């Protein structure tokens, strides 16, 4: 299943991700992850998330569970140890693809 796919963000930069089995320890990696569903034109991005590399972080597992409810069946991982580059990568891909599920930092509060 070692497939490399490039996702081009809003900036035009192509970010390389490697498809990994959902059962593998991808959530412990430092980098970015994309949960995607097969589409007629390739992949439909359901969720993009930054991975901090903390060994017991449950947020990525919950994010995968949420993405699976929207049809995600593939996990794509890009390793990146620099936190600023990770945030830039995630933001660029999110802005370029408009995923179904947005990360918590992108949700705007409702006006009262």
Protein backbone atom coordinates (compact mmCIF):
# COMPACT_ATOMS: atom_id res chain seq x y z
CA UNK A 1 0.00 0.00 0.00
CA UNK A 2 3.03 2.27 -0.21
CA UNK A 3 1.52 4.79 -2.66
CA UNK A 4 2.76 8.38 -2.85
CA UNK A 5 0.23 11.04 -3.85
CA UNK A 6 0.72 14.78 -4.31
CA UNK A 7 -1.98 17.14 -3.08
CA UNK A 8 -1.64 20.68 -4.42
CA UNK A 9 -2.61 23.35 -1.93
CA UNK A 10 -4.04 26.81 -2.54
CA UNK A 11 -0.52 28.20 -2.95
CA UNK A 12 0.08 25.87 -5.90
CA UNK A 13 2.73 23.87 -4.04
CA UNK A 14 2.44 20.10 -4.37
CA UNK A 15 2.70 18.37 -1.00
CA UNK A 16 3.74 14.70 -1.07
CA UNK A 17 1.80 12.28 1.11
CA UNK A 18 2.21 8.53 1.46
CA UNK A 19 -0.83 6.29 1.84
CA UNK A 20 -0.57 4.23 5.02
CA UNK A 21 -2.78 1.52 6.50
CA UNK A 22 -5.24 2.95 9.02
CA UNK A 23 -4.11 0.23 11.47
CA UNK A 24 -0.48 1.40 11.39
CA UNK A 25 0.91 3.76 14.08
CA UNK A 26 0.52 6.87 11.84
CA UNK A 27 -1.05 8.89 14.70
CA UNK A 28 2.28 8.88 16.60
CA UNK A 29 4.11 10.59 13.74
CA UNK A 30 4.99 14.26 13.51
CA UNK A 31 3.55 15.69 10.32
CA UNK A 32 0.24 16.10 8.56
CA UNK A 33 -2.46 13.57 7.78
CA UNK A 34 -5.24 13.56 5.20
CA UNK A 35 -8.32 11.36 5.48
CA UNK A 36 -9.84 10.88 2.04
CA UNK A 37 -12.52 9.00 0.14
CA UNK A 38 -12.19 7.72 -3.44
CA UNK A 39 -13.89 10.01 -5.94
CA UNK A 40 -14.50 9.95 -9.67
CA UNK A 41 -11.53 12.29 -10.17
CA UNK A 42 -9.14 10.87 -7.58
CA UNK A 43 -9.59 11.59 -3.88
CA UNK A 44 -12.15 13.68 -1.99
CA UNK A 45 -10.48 15.15 1.07
CA UNK A 46 -12.61 14.69 4.14
CA UNK A 47 -10.24 16.04 6.80
CA UNK A 48 -6.70 17.45 7.08
CA UNK A 49 -4.95 17.46 10.43
CA UNK A 50 -1.64 18.35 11.99
CA UNK A 51 0.07 15.54 13.93
CA UNK A 52 2.28 16.60 16.82
CA UNK A 53 4.09 13.29 17.25
CA UNK A 54 2.96 12.80 20.85
CA UNK A 55 2.68 9.04 21.46
CA UNK A 56 -0.65 9.03 23.32
CA UNK A 57 -2.52 11.80 21.47
CA UNK A 58 -6.08 10.59 20.87
CA UNK A 59 -7.22 13.54 18.73
CA UNK A 60 -6.02 11.97 15.44
CA UNK A 61 -7.91 8.74 16.21
CA UNK A 62 -11.12 10.69 16.92
CA UNK A 63 -10.59 12.71 13.74
CA UNK A 64 -10.27 9.49 11.71
CA UNK A 65 -13.45 8.16 13.27
CA UNK A 66 -15.29 11.35 12.34
CA UNK A 67 -13.90 11.28 8.78
CA UNK A 68 -14.98 7.66 8.33
CA UNK A 69 -18.57 8.75 9.03
CA UNK A 70 -18.26 10.92 5.90
CA UNK A 71 -16.83 8.10 3.77
CA UNK A 72 -13.08 8.38 4.32
CA UNK A 73 -11.35 5.07 3.72
CA UNK A 74 -7.75 6.18 3.09
CA UNK A 75 -5.09 7.72 5.32
CA UNK A 76 -2.31 9.78 3.74
CA UNK A 77 0.69 10.83 5.85
CA UNK A 78 3.39 13.45 5.28
CA UNK A 79 6.18 13.46 7.85
CA UNK A 80 7.33 16.91 8.98
CA UNK A 81 9.14 17.65 12.22
CA UNK A 82 9.06 21.46 11.98
CA UNK A 83 5.85 22.72 13.64
CA UNK A 84 5.63 25.89 11.50
CA UNK A 85 5.96 23.91 8.28
CA UNK A 86 3.30 21.44 9.48
CA UNK A 87 0.84 24.24 10.19
CA UNK A 88 1.57 25.83 6.82
CA UNK A 89 1.09 22.51 5.02
CA UNK A 90 -2.24 21.81 6.73
CA UNK A 91 -3.55 25.33 6.11
CA UNK A 92 -2.46 25.29 2.46
CA UNK A 93 -4.11 21.94 1.73
CA UNK A 94 -7.30 22.90 3.62
CA UNK A 95 -7.59 26.17 1.69
CA UNK A 96 -6.93 24.44 -1.61
CA UNK A 97 -9.38 21.55 -1.20
CA UNK A 98 -12.19 22.69 1.15
CA UNK A 99 -12.44 19.45 3.14
CA UNK A 100 -15.80 18.21 4.37
CA UNK A 101 -14.69 18.44 8.03
CA UNK A 102 -12.68 21.46 9.10
CA UNK A 103 -10.26 21.44 12.00
CA UNK A 104 -11.28 23.21 15.21
CA UNK A 105 -9.08 26.22 14.52
CA UNK A 106 -10.99 26.98 11.30
CA UNK A 107 -14.48 26.99 12.77
CA UNK A 108 -15.83 30.51 13.19
CA UNK A 109 -17.99 31.18 16.27
CA UNK A 110 -21.62 31.89 15.59
CA UNK A 111 -22.74 35.47 16.06
CA UNK A 112 -25.14 36.01 18.93
